[in-house]
C-alpha atoms as a PDB file:
ATOM      1  CA  MET A   1     -13.928  12.668  15.462  1.00  0.00           C
ATOM      2  CA  ASP A   2     -13.268   9.633  17.197  1.00  0.00           C
ATOM      3  CA  THR A   3      -9.700   8.044  16.854  1.00  0.00           C
ATOM      4  CA  LEU A   4     -11.046   5.211  14.561  1.00  0.00           C
ATOM      5  CA  ASN A   5     -12.679   8.010  12.385  1.00  0.00           C
ATOM      6  CA  PHE A   6      -9.498   9.705  12.143  1.00  0.00           C
ATOM      7  CA  ILE A   7      -7.434   6.474  11.105  1.00  0.00           C
ATOM      8  CA  THR A   8      -9.974   5.785   8.317  1.00  0.00           C
ATOM      9  CA  ASP A   9     -10.045   9.324   7.056  1.00  0.00           C
ATOM     10  CA  CYS A  10      -6.149   9.422   6.920  1.00  0.00           C
ATOM     11  CA  LEU A  11      -5.788   6.054   5.092  1.00  0.00           C
ATOM     12  CA  ALA A  12      -8.648   6.827   2.600  1.00  0.00           C
ATOM     13  CA  GLN A  13      -6.746  10.129   1.992  1.00  0.00           C
ATOM     14  CA  THR A  14      -3.459   8.744   1.596  1.00  0.00           C
ATOM     15  CA  HIS A  15      -5.081   5.970  -0.822  1.00  0.00           C
ATOM     16  CA  LEU A  16      -6.821   8.597  -3.020  1.00  0.00           C
ATOM     17  CA  ARG A  17      -3.551  10.792  -3.253  1.00  0.00           C
ATOM     18  CA  LEU A  18      -1.202   7.890  -3.877  1.00  0.00           C
ATOM     19  CA  MET A  19      -3.717   6.470  -7.013  1.00  0.00           C
ATOM     20  CA  ALA A  20      -4.032  10.492  -8.204  1.00  0.00           C
ATOM     21  CA  THR A  21      -0.188  10.273  -8.417  1.00  0.00           C
ATOM     22  CA  CYS A  22      -0.238   6.885 -10.386  1.00  0.00           C
ATOM     23  CA  ASP A  23      -3.345   7.903 -12.720  1.00  0.00           C
ATOM     24  CA  GLY A  24      -2.170   8.110 -16.297  1.00  0.00           C
ATOM     25  CA  LEU A  25       1.577   6.365 -15.647  1.00  0.00           C
ATOM     26  CA  THR A  26       2.661   4.119 -18.469  1.00  0.00           C
ATOM     27  CA  ALA A  27       4.757   0.949 -18.172  1.00  0.00           C
ATOM     28  CA  GLU A  28       7.668   2.649 -19.332  1.00  0.00           C
ATOM     29  CA  GLN A  29       7.018   5.275 -16.441  1.00  0.00           C
ATOM     30  CA  MET A  30       6.636   2.638 -13.772  1.00  0.00           C
ATOM     31  CA  ALA A  31       9.705   0.869 -14.872  1.00  0.00           C
ATOM     32  CA  TRP A  32      11.771   4.041 -15.276  1.00  0.00           C
ATOM     33  CA  ARG A  33      15.015   3.760 -12.654  1.00  0.00           C
ATOM     34  CA  PRO A  34      16.751   7.036 -12.045  1.00  0.00           C
ATOM     35  CA  ALA A  35      19.700   5.171 -11.502  1.00  0.00           C
ATOM     36  CA  PRO A  36      21.000   1.639 -11.991  1.00  0.00           C
ATOM     37  CA  ALA A  37      20.439   0.811  -8.319  1.00  0.00           C
ATOM     38  CA  ALA A  38      17.417   2.710  -7.619  1.00  0.00           C
ATOM     39  CA  ASN A  39      13.949   1.969  -7.085  1.00  0.00           C
ATOM     40  CA  ASN A  40      11.014   2.434  -9.836  1.00  0.00           C
ATOM     41  CA  ILE A  41       7.540   3.416  -9.375  1.00  0.00           C
ATOM     42  CA  GLY A  42       6.006  -0.431  -9.763  1.00  0.00           C
ATOM     43  CA  PHE A  43       8.598  -1.369  -7.571  1.00  0.00           C
ATOM     44  CA  ILE A  44       7.703   1.131  -4.974  1.00  0.00           C
ATOM     45  CA  LEU A  45       3.927   0.383  -5.395  1.00  0.00           C
ATOM     46  CA  TRP A  46       4.056  -3.127  -5.567  1.00  0.00           C
ATOM     47  CA  HIS A  47       5.968  -2.659  -2.083  1.00  0.00           C
ATOM     48  CA  VAL A  48       3.356  -0.365  -0.515  1.00  0.00           C
ATOM     49  CA  CYS A  49       0.432  -2.557  -1.390  1.00  0.00           C
ATOM     50  CA  ARG A  50       2.168  -5.830  -0.883  1.00  0.00           C
ATOM     51  CA  ASN A  51       3.460  -4.407   2.897  1.00  0.00           C
ATOM     52  CA  GLU A  52      -0.097  -3.450   3.642  1.00  0.00           C
ATOM     53  CA  ASP A  53      -1.751  -6.588   2.507  1.00  0.00           C
ATOM     54  CA  SER A  54       0.377  -8.291   4.654  1.00  0.00           C
ATOM     55  CA  ARG A  55       0.113  -5.914   7.553  1.00  0.00           C
ATOM     56  CA  VAL A  56      -3.638  -5.968   8.023  1.00  0.00           C
ATOM     57  CA  THR A  57      -3.589  -9.770   7.887  1.00  0.00           C
ATOM     58  CA  ARG A  58      -1.088  -9.552  10.911  1.00  0.00           C
ATOM     59  CA  THR A  59      -2.745  -6.929  12.529  1.00  0.00           C
ATOM     60  CA  ALA A  60      -6.340  -8.833  12.238  1.00  0.00           C
ATOM     61  CA  GLY A  61      -4.829 -12.253  13.539  1.00  0.00           C
ATOM     62  CA  GLU A  62      -7.914 -14.963  12.973  1.00  0.00           C
ATOM     63  CA  GLN A  63     -10.676 -12.128  12.513  1.00  0.00           C
ATOM     64  CA  SER A  64     -12.823 -14.018  10.037  1.00  0.00           C
ATOM     65  CA  GLY A  65     -12.061 -12.752   6.322  1.00  0.00           C
ATOM     66  CA  PHE A  66      -8.898 -11.333   7.298  1.00  0.00           C
ATOM     67  CA  ALA A  67      -6.610 -14.537   7.852  1.00  0.00           C
ATOM     68  CA  SER A  68      -4.518 -14.302   4.756  1.00  0.00           C
ATOM     69  CA  ASP A  69      -3.137 -12.028   2.536  1.00  0.00           C
ATOM     70  CA  LEU A  70      -5.040 -10.921  -0.773  1.00  0.00           C
ATOM     71  CA  TRP A  71      -1.770 -11.986  -2.491  1.00  0.00           C
ATOM     72  CA  VAL A  72      -2.658 -15.552  -1.688  1.00  0.00           C
ATOM     73  CA  THR A  73      -6.425 -15.983  -1.132  1.00  0.00           C
ATOM     74  CA  ASP A  74      -7.285 -13.941  -4.337  1.00  0.00           C
ATOM     75  CA  GLY A  75      -4.482 -15.120  -6.623  1.00  0.00           C
ATOM     76  CA  TRP A  76      -3.035 -11.807  -7.136  1.00  0.00           C
ATOM     77  CA  HIS A  77       0.529 -13.548  -7.048  1.00  0.00           C
ATOM     78  CA  GLN A  78      -0.778 -15.468 -10.372  1.00  0.00           C
ATOM     79  CA  SER A  79      -1.821 -11.841 -11.838  1.00  0.00           C
ATOM     80  CA  PHE A  80       1.697 -10.751 -11.398  1.00  0.00           C
ATOM     81  CA  ASN A  81       3.215 -13.520 -12.776  1.00  0.00           C
ATOM     82  CA  GLN A  82       5.095 -14.845  -9.280  1.00  0.00           C
ATOM     83  CA  PRO A  83       5.620 -17.486  -7.024  1.00  0.00           C
ATOM     84  CA  ILE A  84       2.998 -17.215  -3.600  1.00  0.00           C
ATOM     85  CA  THR A  85       6.577 -17.078  -1.844  1.00  0.00           C
ATOM     86  CA  ALA A  86       7.887 -13.973  -3.972  1.00  0.00           C
ATOM     87  CA  PRO A  87      10.156 -12.109  -1.585  1.00  0.00           C
ATOM     88  CA  ASP A  88       8.759 -10.473   1.342  1.00  0.00           C
ATOM     89  CA  PRO A  89       7.516  -6.875   0.851  1.00  0.00           C
ATOM     90  CA  GLY A  90      10.468  -5.876   3.059  1.00  0.00           C
ATOM     91  CA  ASP A  91      13.203  -7.965   1.204  1.00  0.00           C
ATOM     92  CA  ARG A  92      14.350  -5.182  -1.004  1.00  0.00           C
ATOM     93  CA  LEU A  93      17.166  -6.649  -2.872  1.00  0.00           C
ATOM     94  CA  GLY A  94      14.937  -9.471  -3.626  1.00  0.00           C
ATOM     95  CA  LEU A  95      11.942  -7.341  -4.827  1.00  0.00           C
ATOM     96  CA  ARG A  96      14.270  -5.542  -7.213  1.00  0.00           C
ATOM     97  CA  SER A  97      14.631  -8.824  -9.299  1.00  0.00           C
ATOM     98  CA  LEU A  98      10.494  -8.761  -9.418  1.00  0.00           C
ATOM     99  CA  ALA A  99       9.197  -8.056 -13.117  1.00  0.00           C
ATOM    100  CA  ILE A 100       6.962  -4.810 -12.761  1.00  0.00           C
ATOM    101  CA  PRO A 101       3.196  -6.048 -14.124  1.00  0.00           C
ATOM    102  CA  PRO A 102       1.323  -4.021 -16.151  1.00  0.00           C
ATOM    103  CA  PRO A 103      -0.152  -0.822 -14.554  1.00  0.00           C
ATOM    104  CA  ASP A 104      -3.602  -1.898 -14.528  1.00  0.00           C
ATOM    105  CA  VAL A 105      -2.683  -5.077 -12.489  1.00  0.00           C
ATOM    106  CA  LEU A 106      -0.579  -3.201 -10.232  1.00  0.00           C
ATOM    107  CA  LEU A 107      -3.464  -0.315  -9.569  1.00  0.00           C
ATOM    108  CA  ALA A 108      -6.047  -3.084  -9.453  1.00  0.00           C
ATOM    109  CA  TYR A 109      -4.315  -4.816  -6.651  1.00  0.00           C
ATOM    110  CA  ALA A 110      -3.751  -1.527  -4.837  1.00  0.00           C
ATOM    111  CA  GLU A 111      -7.290  -0.691  -4.926  1.00  0.00           C
ATOM    112  CA  THR A 112      -8.308  -3.950  -3.867  1.00  0.00           C
ATOM    113  CA  VAL A 113      -5.775  -3.954  -1.026  1.00  0.00           C
ATOM    114  CA  ASN A 114      -7.312  -0.540   0.159  1.00  0.00           C
ATOM    115  CA  ARG A 115     -10.951  -2.088  -0.049  1.00  0.00           C
ATOM    116  CA  ARG A 116      -9.869  -4.918   2.300  1.00  0.00           C
ATOM    117  CA  THR A 117      -8.108  -2.176   4.672  1.00  0.00           C
ATOM    118  CA  MET A 118     -11.311   0.149   4.782  1.00  0.00           C
ATOM    119  CA  GLN A 119     -13.261  -3.390   5.696  1.00  0.00           C
ATOM    120  CA  PHE A 120     -10.925  -4.352   8.490  1.00  0.00           C
ATOM    121  CA  LEU A 121     -11.209  -0.552   9.693  1.00  0.00           C
ATOM    122  CA  ALA A 122     -15.208  -1.047   9.687  1.00  0.00           C
ATOM    123  CA  SER A 123     -15.036  -4.105  11.543  1.00  0.00           C
ATOM    124  CA  LEU A 124     -13.117  -2.546  14.562  1.00  0.00           C
ATOM    125  CA  ASP A 125     -14.677  -0.818  17.560  1.00  0.00           C
ATOM    126  CA  PRO A 126     -12.764   1.723  19.248  1.00  0.00           C
ATOM    127  CA  PRO A 127     -11.544  -0.262  22.210  1.00  0.00           C
ATOM    128  CA  ALA A 128      -9.669  -2.619  19.502  1.00  0.00           C
ATOM    129  CA  LEU A 129      -7.194   0.027  18.699  1.00  0.00           C
ATOM    130  CA  ASP A 130      -5.270  -0.604  22.041  1.00  0.00           C
ATOM    131  CA  ALA A 131      -5.562  -4.426  21.608  1.00  0.00           C
ATOM    132  CA  PRO A 132      -1.690  -5.958  20.850  1.00  0.00           C
ATOM    133  CA  ILE A 133      -1.758  -7.719  17.749  1.00  0.00           C
ATOM    134  CA  GLY A 134      -0.189 -10.659  18.655  1.00  0.00           C
ATOM    135  CA  PRO A 135       2.734 -12.595  20.278  1.00  0.00           C
ATOM    136  CA  ALA A 136       4.793 -12.564  16.887  1.00  0.00           C
ATOM    137  CA  GLU A 137       4.846  -8.723  17.629  1.00  0.00           C
ATOM    138  CA  PRO A 138       5.015  -8.079  21.218  1.00  0.00           C
ATOM    139  CA  GLY A 139       3.915  -4.511  22.154  1.00  0.00           C
ATOM    140  CA  GLN A 140       2.733  -3.588  18.893  1.00  0.00           C
ATOM    141  CA  THR A 141      -0.911  -2.488  19.151  1.00  0.00           C
ATOM    142  CA  THR A 142      -3.548  -2.479  16.259  1.00  0.00           C
ATOM    143  CA  ALA A 143      -3.239   1.101  16.510  1.00  0.00           C
ATOM    144  CA  GLY A 144       0.478   1.236  16.149  1.00  0.00           C
ATOM    145  CA  SER A 145       0.263  -1.217  13.248  1.00  0.00           C
ATOM    146  CA  LEU A 146      -2.610   1.082  11.356  1.00  0.00           C
ATOM    147  CA  ARG A 147      -0.201   4.030  12.190  1.00  0.00           C
ATOM    148  CA  HIS A 148       2.568   2.110  10.360  1.00  0.00           C
ATOM    149  CA  ILE A 149       0.316   1.667   7.208  1.00  0.00           C
ATOM    150  CA  ILE A 150      -0.098   5.560   7.098  1.00  0.00           C
ATOM    151  CA  VAL A 151       3.360   6.260   7.772  1.00  0.00           C
ATOM    152  CA  HIS A 152       4.304   3.921   5.083  1.00  0.00           C
ATOM    153  CA  LYS A 153       2.108   4.570   2.422  1.00  0.00           C
ATOM    154  CA  ASN A 154       2.792   8.687   2.913  1.00  0.00           C
ATOM    155  CA  ASN A 155       6.495   8.088   2.831  1.00  0.00           C
ATOM    156  CA  HIS A 156       6.341   6.012  -0.300  1.00  0.00           C
ATOM    157  CA  HIS A 157       4.022   7.976  -1.998  1.00  0.00           C
ATOM    158  CA  GLY A 158       6.457  10.876  -1.861  1.00  0.00           C
ATOM    159  CA  GLN A 159       9.145   8.881  -3.575  1.00  0.00           C
ATOM    160  CA  ILE A 160       6.376   7.953  -6.438  1.00  0.00           C
ATOM    161  CA  ASP A 161       5.678  11.459  -6.513  1.00  0.00           C
ATOM    162  CA  TYR A 162       9.463  12.588  -6.809  1.00  0.00           C
ATOM    163  CA  LEU A 163      10.001   9.797  -9.338  1.00  0.00           C
ATOM    164  CA  ARG A 164       7.077  11.029 -11.491  1.00  0.00           C
ATOM    165  CA  GLY A 165       8.659  14.711 -11.283  1.00  0.00           C
ATOM    166  CA  LEU A 166      12.172  13.324 -12.441  1.00  0.00           C
ATOM    167  CA  GLN A 167      10.119  12.198 -15.608  1.00  0.00           C
ATOM    168  CA  GLN A 168       7.624  14.734 -16.410  1.00  0.00           C
ATOM    169  CA  GLU A 169       8.867  18.078 -15.975  1.00  0.00           C
ATOM    170  CA  ASP A 170       5.247  19.697 -15.695  1.00  0.00           C
ATOM    171  CA  TRP A 171       4.380  16.903 -13.210  1.00  0.00           C
ATOM    172  CA  ASP A 172       2.808  18.400 -10.432  1.00  0.00           C
ATOM    173  CA  LEU A 173       0.991  17.339  -7.288  1.00  0.00           C
ATOM    174  CA  PRO A 174      -2.079  15.997  -8.013  1.00  0.00           C
ATOM    175  CA  ARG A 175      -4.985  18.677  -8.662  1.00  0.00           C
ATOM    176  CA  GLY A 176      -6.948  19.176  -5.474  1.00  0.00           C
ATOM    177  CA  MET A 177      -4.115  18.858  -3.158  1.00  0.00           C
ATOM    178  CA  GLY A 178      -5.116  21.787  -1.277  1.00  0.00           C
ATOM    179  CA  ALA A 179      -8.504  20.468  -0.879  1.00  0.00           C
ATOM    180  CA  ARG A 180     -10.110  17.229   0.716  1.00  0.00           C
ATOM    181  CA  LEU A 181     -10.240  14.829  -2.020  1.00  0.00           C
ATOM    182  CA  ARG A 182     -13.368  12.559  -2.513  1.00  0.00           C
ATOM    183  CA  PRO A 183     -13.745   9.226  -3.717  1.00  0.00           C
END
């Protein structure tokens, strides 16, 4: 398997596992916090998706079809009842003030962002992985940026899984965790 296929497979599996963990969550479960200053599942999922949306845009540069975040171009900010300039995905304190939309809106955004990421990956050829992503992030390559998305999604998937377990005593990792999930 070449590197680009490996990255694509990692991102596809990470997304499938994250969506399996979020399957069936209610609005109450998405908004529940184990402590007043703790993050909730809805916030973490929004942060993961918004970060991926933004990172693909930055990584792709001016490449056709990827020049703007879906948050803006597809009007997701309106679906979330937020301004275009809602806090940056890295602004943890600002993001805590955002209202969590219904689960179907949040999960639809996650799916849309994932489809765009997969389209971006399909547009690349192996040499593109070593290309710098631009002057705003010196030393960062396309491969490094994609590695960040994989690590970021996996880290936050673990948090979401943990929070779901705190709320639901019989919760276990999504069925099929020992086997490869199929889209």
